Amino acid sequence: MEKLVLQLENLACPVCAQNVGVMLNKTKGVEQAEVFFNTSKAKITYDAEVISPAQIIKAIQKMGYNAKLK
């Protein structure tokens, strides 16, 4: 398992952060995801053989948020 920290942009509220976390945790290859509204960061544990950081960022962008590697 690999670990990844992303800086998120456009998180308007704690519910937004929660929604991103729920989506990530349902994404194939993501073992665990925690999204923190107060720091706008996402800590993700994922299987690199199933999903890449670029694919994780793309999934977040589809929800309308920007994400970049921290």
PDB file of N, CA and C in Angstrom:
ATOM      1  N   MET A   1       0.836  -1.190   0.000  1.00  0.00           N
ATOM      2  CA  MET A   1       0.000   0.000   0.000  1.00  0.00           C
ATOM      3  C   MET A   1       0.884   1.258   0.000  1.00  0.00           C
ATOM      4  N   GLU A   2       0.425   2.226  -0.728  1.00  0.00           N
ATOM      5  CA  GLU A   2       1.114   3.507  -0.818  1.00  0.00           C
ATOM      6  C   GLU A   2       0.306   4.563  -0.068  1.00  0.00           C
ATOM      7  N   LYS A   3       0.995   5.632   0.337  1.00  0.00           N
ATOM      8  CA  LYS A   3       0.313   6.742   1.012  1.00  0.00           C
ATOM      9  C   LYS A   3       0.480   8.003   0.185  1.00  0.00           C
ATOM     10  N   LEU A   4      -0.521   8.855   0.255  1.00  0.00           N
ATOM     11  CA  LEU A   4      -0.560  10.062  -0.554  1.00  0.00           C
ATOM     12  C   LEU A   4      -1.236  11.162   0.244  1.00  0.00           C
ATOM     13  N   VAL A   5      -0.689  12.375   0.175  1.00  0.00           N
ATOM     14  CA  VAL A   5      -1.329  13.538   0.788  1.00  0.00           C
ATOM     15  C   VAL A   5      -1.611  14.535  -0.323  1.00  0.00           C
ATOM     16  N   LEU A   6      -2.856  14.955  -0.422  1.00  0.00           N
ATOM     17  CA  LEU A   6      -3.267  15.914  -1.434  1.00  0.00           C
ATOM     18  C   LEU A   6      -3.745  17.198  -0.774  1.00  0.00           C
ATOM     19  N   GLN A   7      -3.444  18.314  -1.401  1.00  0.00           N
ATOM     20  CA  GLN A   7      -3.980  19.611  -0.989  1.00  0.00           C
ATOM     21  C   GLN A   7      -5.213  19.860  -1.844  1.00  0.00           C
ATOM     22  N   LEU A   8      -6.359  20.054  -1.210  1.00  0.00           N
ATOM     23  CA  LEU A   8      -7.614  20.276  -1.930  1.00  0.00           C
ATOM     24  C   LEU A   8      -7.944  21.759  -1.962  1.00  0.00           C
ATOM     25  N   GLU A   9      -8.596  22.168  -3.033  1.00  0.00           N
ATOM     26  CA  GLU A   9      -9.043  23.552  -3.174  1.00  0.00           C
ATOM     27  C   GLU A   9     -10.544  23.547  -3.417  1.00  0.00           C
ATOM     28  N   ASN A  10     -11.197  24.628  -3.080  1.00  0.00           N
ATOM     29  CA  ASN A  10     -12.636  24.832  -3.309  1.00  0.00           C
ATOM     30  C   ASN A  10     -13.520  24.116  -2.290  1.00  0.00           C
ATOM     31  N   LEU A  11     -12.977  23.586  -1.214  1.00  0.00           N
ATOM     32  CA  LEU A  11     -13.833  22.956  -0.205  1.00  0.00           C
ATOM     33  C   LEU A  11     -14.581  24.065   0.539  1.00  0.00           C
ATOM     34  N   ALA A  12     -15.875  24.139   0.327  1.00  0.00           N
ATOM     35  CA  ALA A  12     -16.654  25.241   0.891  1.00  0.00           C
ATOM     36  C   ALA A  12     -17.131  24.971   2.313  1.00  0.00           C
ATOM     37  N   CYS A  13     -17.243  23.691   2.687  1.00  0.00           N
ATOM     38  CA  CYS A  13     -17.811  23.382   4.006  1.00  0.00           C
ATOM     39  C   CYS A  13     -17.379  21.986   4.449  1.00  0.00           C
ATOM     40  N   PRO A  14     -17.589  21.666   5.723  1.00  0.00           N
ATOM     41  CA  PRO A  14     -17.231  20.329   6.208  1.00  0.00           C
ATOM     42  C   PRO A  14     -17.970  19.202   5.485  1.00  0.00           C
ATOM     43  N   VAL A  15     -19.195  19.457   5.050  1.00  0.00           N
ATOM     44  CA  VAL A  15     -19.955  18.427   4.331  1.00  0.00           C
ATOM     45  C   VAL A  15     -19.299  18.136   2.976  1.00  0.00           C
ATOM     46  N   CYS A  16     -18.741  19.168   2.346  1.00  0.00           N
ATOM     47  CA  CYS A  16     -18.023  18.974   1.084  1.00  0.00           C
ATOM     48  C   CYS A  16     -16.844  18.020   1.303  1.00  0.00           C
ATOM     49  N   ALA A  17     -16.101  18.262   2.360  1.00  0.00           N
ATOM     50  CA  ALA A  17     -14.958  17.406   2.678  1.00  0.00           C
ATOM     51  C   ALA A  17     -15.426  15.980   2.957  1.00  0.00           C
ATOM     52  N   GLN A  18     -16.518  15.849   3.680  1.00  0.00           N
ATOM     53  CA  GLN A  18     -17.062  14.526   3.984  1.00  0.00           C
ATOM     54  C   GLN A  18     -17.468  13.812   2.704  1.00  0.00           C
ATOM     55  N   ASN A  19     -18.102  14.523   1.768  1.00  0.00           N
ATOM     56  CA  ASN A  19     -18.538  13.917   0.503  1.00  0.00           C
ATOM     57  C   ASN A  19     -17.348  13.424  -0.317  1.00  0.00           C
ATOM     58  N   VAL A  20     -16.265  14.191  -0.339  1.00  0.00           N
ATOM     59  CA  VAL A  20     -15.067  13.761  -1.057  1.00  0.00           C
ATOM     60  C   VAL A  20     -14.507  12.499  -0.394  1.00  0.00           C
ATOM     61  N   GLY A  21     -14.478  12.478   0.925  1.00  0.00           N
ATOM     62  CA  GLY A  21     -13.990  11.307   1.645  1.00  0.00           C
ATOM     63  C   GLY A  21     -14.813  10.065   1.365  1.00  0.00           C
ATOM     64  N   VAL A  22     -16.121  10.211   1.345  1.00  0.00           N
ATOM     65  CA  VAL A  22     -17.014   9.070   1.054  1.00  0.00           C
ATOM     66  C   VAL A  22     -16.751   8.550  -0.348  1.00  0.00           C
ATOM     67  N   MET A  23     -16.658   9.467  -1.313  1.00  0.00           N
ATOM     68  CA  MET A  23     -16.404   9.068  -2.695  1.00  0.00           C
ATOM     69  C   MET A  23     -15.074   8.337  -2.804  1.00  0.00           C
ATOM     70  N   LEU A  24     -14.019   8.878  -2.183  1.00  0.00           N
ATOM     71  CA  LEU A  24     -12.708   8.241  -2.269  1.00  0.00           C
ATOM     72  C   LEU A  24     -12.719   6.852  -1.646  1.00  0.00           C
ATOM     73  N   ASN A  25     -13.393   6.713  -0.511  1.00  0.00           N
ATOM     74  CA  ASN A  25     -13.434   5.411   0.156  1.00  0.00           C
ATOM     75  C   ASN A  25     -14.215   4.376  -0.637  1.00  0.00           C
ATOM     76  N   LYS A  26     -15.052   4.813  -1.568  1.00  0.00           N
ATOM     77  CA  LYS A  26     -15.791   3.890  -2.440  1.00  0.00           C
ATOM     78  C   LYS A  26     -15.047   3.604  -3.744  1.00  0.00           C
ATOM     79  N   THR A  27     -13.931   4.298  -3.955  1.00  0.00           N
ATOM     80  CA  THR A  27     -13.175   4.165  -5.193  1.00  0.00           C
ATOM     81  C   THR A  27     -12.313   2.907  -5.154  1.00  0.00           C
ATOM     82  N   LYS A  28     -12.387   2.127  -6.226  1.00  0.00           N
ATOM     83  CA  LYS A  28     -11.612   0.890  -6.298  1.00  0.00           C
ATOM     84  C   LYS A  28     -10.124   1.203  -6.210  1.00  0.00           C
ATOM     85  N   GLY A  29      -9.440   0.510  -5.343  1.00  0.00           N
ATOM     86  CA  GLY A  29      -8.006   0.699  -5.160  1.00  0.00           C
ATOM     87  C   GLY A  29      -7.649   1.587  -3.977  1.00  0.00           C
ATOM     88  N   VAL A  30      -8.628   2.336  -3.478  1.00  0.00           N
ATOM     89  CA  VAL A  30      -8.390   3.184  -2.308  1.00  0.00           C
ATOM     90  C   VAL A  30      -8.703   2.362  -1.063  1.00  0.00           C
ATOM     91  N   GLU A  31      -7.700   2.184  -0.228  1.00  0.00           N
ATOM     92  CA  GLU A  31      -7.861   1.409   1.007  1.00  0.00           C
ATOM     93  C   GLU A  31      -8.517   2.258   2.091  1.00  0.00           C
ATOM     94  N   GLN A  32      -8.025   3.499   2.232  1.00  0.00           N
ATOM     95  CA  GLN A  32      -8.576   4.403   3.242  1.00  0.00           C
ATOM     96  C   GLN A  32      -8.320   5.838   2.813  1.00  0.00           C
ATOM     97  N   ALA A  33      -9.308   6.691   3.046  1.00  0.00           N
ATOM     98  CA  ALA A  33      -9.150   8.116   2.739  1.00  0.00           C
ATOM     99  C   ALA A  33      -9.755   8.930   3.870  1.00  0.00           C
ATOM    100  N   GLU A  34      -9.025   9.949   4.293  1.00  0.00           N
ATOM    101  CA  GLU A  34      -9.507  10.894   5.292  1.00  0.00           C
ATOM    102  C   GLU A  34      -9.357  12.285   4.704  1.00  0.00           C
ATOM    103  N   VAL A  35     -10.433  13.060   4.748  1.00  0.00           N
ATOM    104  CA  VAL A  35     -10.399  14.428   4.223  1.00  0.00           C
ATOM    105  C   VAL A  35     -10.662  15.378   5.382  1.00  0.00           C
ATOM    106  N   PHE A  36      -9.785  16.352   5.535  1.00  0.00           N
ATOM    107  CA  PHE A  36      -9.859  17.296   6.653  1.00  0.00           C
ATOM    108  C   PHE A  36     -10.222  18.680   6.138  1.00  0.00           C
ATOM    109  N   PHE A  37     -11.410  19.154   6.503  1.00  0.00           N
ATOM    110  CA  PHE A  37     -11.866  20.467   6.043  1.00  0.00           C
ATOM    111  C   PHE A  37     -10.982  21.588   6.574  1.00  0.00           C
ATOM    112  N   ASN A  38     -10.586  21.503   7.848  1.00  0.00           N
ATOM    113  CA  ASN A  38      -9.832  22.609   8.472  1.00  0.00           C
ATOM    114  C   ASN A  38      -8.464  22.842   7.836  1.00  0.00           C
ATOM    115  N   THR A  39      -7.870  21.802   7.224  1.00  0.00           N
ATOM    116  CA  THR A  39      -6.572  21.963   6.553  1.00  0.00           C
ATOM    117  C   THR A  39      -6.676  21.801   5.039  1.00  0.00           C
ATOM    118  N   SER A  40      -7.848  21.423   4.552  1.00  0.00           N
ATOM    119  CA  SER A  40      -8.075  21.151   3.118  1.00  0.00           C
ATOM    120  C   SER A  40      -7.104  20.098   2.580  1.00  0.00           C
ATOM    121  N   LYS A  41      -6.828  19.093   3.408  1.00  0.00           N
ATOM    122  CA  LYS A  41      -5.930  18.017   2.989  1.00  0.00           C
ATOM    123  C   LYS A  41      -6.664  16.683   2.985  1.00  0.00           C
ATOM    124  N   ALA A  42      -6.204  15.829   2.096  1.00  0.00           N
ATOM    125  CA  ALA A  42      -6.716  14.459   2.048  1.00  0.00           C
ATOM    126  C   ALA A  42      -5.534  13.521   2.245  1.00  0.00           C
ATOM    127  N   LYS A  43      -5.668  12.597   3.185  1.00  0.00           N
ATOM    128  CA  LYS A  43      -4.657  11.566   3.413  1.00  0.00           C
ATOM    129  C   LYS A  43      -5.240  10.258   2.895  1.00  0.00           C
ATOM    130  N   ILE A  44      -4.544   9.663   1.943  1.00  0.00           N
ATOM    131  CA  ILE A  44      -5.089   8.514   1.235  1.00  0.00           C
ATOM    132  C   ILE A  44      -4.091   7.365   1.257  1.00  0.00           C
ATOM    133  N   THR A  45      -4.586   6.179   1.551  1.00  0.00           N
ATOM    134  CA  THR A  45      -3.818   4.949   1.427  1.00  0.00           C
ATOM    135  C   THR A  45      -4.438   4.177   0.269  1.00  0.00           C
ATOM    136  N   TYR A  46      -3.602   3.789  -0.696  1.00  0.00           N
ATOM    137  CA  TYR A  46      -4.142   3.173  -1.911  1.00  0.00           C
ATOM    138  C   TYR A  46      -3.223   2.068  -2.421  1.00  0.00           C
ATOM    139  N   ASP A  47      -3.773   1.226  -3.297  1.00  0.00           N
ATOM    140  CA  ASP A  47      -3.035   0.145  -3.928  1.00  0.00           C
ATOM    141  C   ASP A  47      -2.548   0.646  -5.285  1.00  0.00           C
ATOM    142  N   ALA A  48      -1.250   0.849  -5.421  1.00  0.00           N
ATOM    143  CA  ALA A  48      -0.665   1.412  -6.640  1.00  0.00           C
ATOM    144  C   ALA A  48      -0.846   0.498  -7.855  1.00  0.00           C
ATOM    145  N   GLU A  49      -1.139  -0.778  -7.627  1.00  0.00           N
ATOM    146  CA  GLU A  49      -1.365  -1.692  -8.741  1.00  0.00           C
ATOM    147  C   GLU A  49      -2.775  -1.544  -9.309  1.00  0.00           C
ATOM    148  N   VAL A  50      -3.644  -0.853  -8.568  1.00  0.00           N
ATOM    149  CA  VAL A  50      -5.042  -0.704  -8.982  1.00  0.00           C
ATOM    150  C   VAL A  50      -5.354   0.721  -9.424  1.00  0.00           C
ATOM    151  N   ILE A  51      -4.792   1.703  -8.740  1.00  0.00           N
ATOM    152  CA  ILE A  51      -5.105   3.106  -9.022  1.00  0.00           C
ATOM    153  C   ILE A  51      -3.855   3.961  -8.838  1.00  0.00           C
ATOM    154  N   SER A  52      -3.752   5.019  -9.635  1.00  0.00           N
ATOM    155  CA  SER A  52      -2.596   5.917  -9.556  1.00  0.00           C
ATOM    156  C   SER A  52      -3.001   7.234  -8.896  1.00  0.00           C
ATOM    157  N   PRO A  53      -2.023   8.000  -8.411  1.00  0.00           N
ATOM    158  CA  PRO A  53      -2.350   9.324  -7.866  1.00  0.00           C
ATOM    159  C   PRO A  53      -3.093  10.199  -8.882  1.00  0.00           C
ATOM    160  N   ALA A  54      -2.714  10.117 -10.147  1.00  0.00           N
ATOM    161  CA  ALA A  54      -3.382  10.913 -11.186  1.00  0.00           C
ATOM    162  C   ALA A  54      -4.860  10.537 -11.296  1.00  0.00           C
ATOM    163  N   GLN A  55      -5.161   9.260 -11.171  1.00  0.00           N
ATOM    164  CA  GLN A  55      -6.559   8.814 -11.236  1.00  0.00           C
ATOM    165  C   GLN A  55      -7.336   9.281 -10.001  1.00  0.00           C
ATOM    166  N   ILE A  56      -6.693   9.293  -8.864  1.00  0.00           N
ATOM    167  CA  ILE A  56      -7.340   9.781  -7.644  1.00  0.00           C
ATOM    168  C   ILE A  56      -7.651  11.274  -7.785  1.00  0.00           C
ATOM    169  N   ILE A  57      -6.688  12.039  -8.276  1.00  0.00           N
ATOM    170  CA  ILE A  57      -6.892  13.475  -8.484  1.00  0.00           C
ATOM    171  C   ILE A  57      -8.024  13.704  -9.478  1.00  0.00           C
ATOM    172  N   LYS A  58      -8.061  12.912 -10.546  1.00  0.00           N
ATOM    173  CA  LYS A  58      -9.115  13.050 -11.564  1.00  0.00           C
ATOM    174  C   LYS A  58     -10.500  12.793 -10.961  1.00  0.00           C
ATOM    175  N   ALA A  59     -10.600  11.801 -10.080  1.00  0.00           N
ATOM    176  CA  ALA A  59     -11.882  11.500  -9.426  1.00  0.00           C
ATOM    177  C   ALA A  59     -12.339  12.679  -8.574  1.00  0.00           C
ATOM    178  N   ILE A  60     -11.401  13.327  -7.887  1.00  0.00           N
ATOM    179  CA  ILE A  60     -11.732  14.501  -7.068  1.00  0.00           C
ATOM    180  C   ILE A  60     -12.164  15.656  -7.966  1.00  0.00           C
ATOM    181  N   GLN A  61     -11.457  15.840  -9.074  1.00  0.00           N
ATOM    182  CA  GLN A  61     -11.801  16.913 -10.009  1.00  0.00           C
ATOM    183  C   GLN A  61     -13.190  16.727 -10.604  1.00  0.00           C
ATOM    184  N   LYS A  62     -13.588  15.473 -10.820  1.00  0.00           N
ATOM    185  CA  LYS A  62     -14.939  15.204 -11.341  1.00  0.00           C
ATOM    186  C   LYS A  62     -16.021  15.683 -10.377  1.00  0.00           C
ATOM    187  N   MET A  63     -15.677  15.787  -9.100  1.00  0.00           N
ATOM    188  CA  MET A  63     -16.622  16.290  -8.102  1.00  0.00           C
ATOM    189  C   MET A  63     -16.618  17.819  -8.041  1.00  0.00           C
ATOM    190  N   GLY A  64     -15.725  18.454  -8.789  1.00  0.00           N
ATOM    191  CA  GLY A  64     -15.690  19.908  -8.834  1.00  0.00           C
ATOM    192  C   GLY A  64     -14.651  20.564  -7.949  1.00  0.00           C
ATOM    193  N   TYR A  65     -13.708  19.768  -7.436  1.00  0.00           N
ATOM    194  CA  TYR A  65     -12.663  20.286  -6.571  1.00  0.00           C
ATOM    195  C   TYR A  65     -11.299  20.104  -7.220  1.00  0.00           C
ATOM    196  N   ASN A  66     -10.397  21.012  -6.945  1.00  0.00           N
ATOM    197  CA  ASN A  66      -9.031  20.884  -7.418  1.00  0.00           C
ATOM    198  C   ASN A  66      -8.215  20.157  -6.362  1.00  0.00           C
ATOM    199  N   ALA A  67      -7.247  19.382  -6.822  1.00  0.00           N
ATOM    200  CA  ALA A  67      -6.362  18.652  -5.904  1.00  0.00           C
ATOM    201  C   ALA A  67      -4.973  18.624  -6.500  1.00  0.00           C
ATOM    202  N   LYS A  68      -3.986  18.769  -5.626  1.00  0.00           N
ATOM    203  CA  LYS A  68      -2.604  18.657  -6.079  1.00  0.00           C
ATOM    204  C   LYS A  68      -1.784  17.943  -5.020  1.00  0.00           C
ATOM    205  N   LEU A  69      -0.693  17.335  -5.464  1.00  0.00           N
ATOM    206  CA  LEU A  69       0.177  16.623  -4.538  1.00  0.00           C
ATOM    207  C   LEU A  69       0.766  17.589  -3.527  1.00  0.00           C
ATOM    208  N   LYS A  70       0.808  17.147  -2.303  1.00  0.00           N
ATOM    209  CA  LYS A  70       1.350  17.983  -1.220  1.00  0.00           C
ATOM    210  C   LYS A  70       2.768  17.570  -0.939  1.00  0.00           C
TER     211      LYS A  70
END
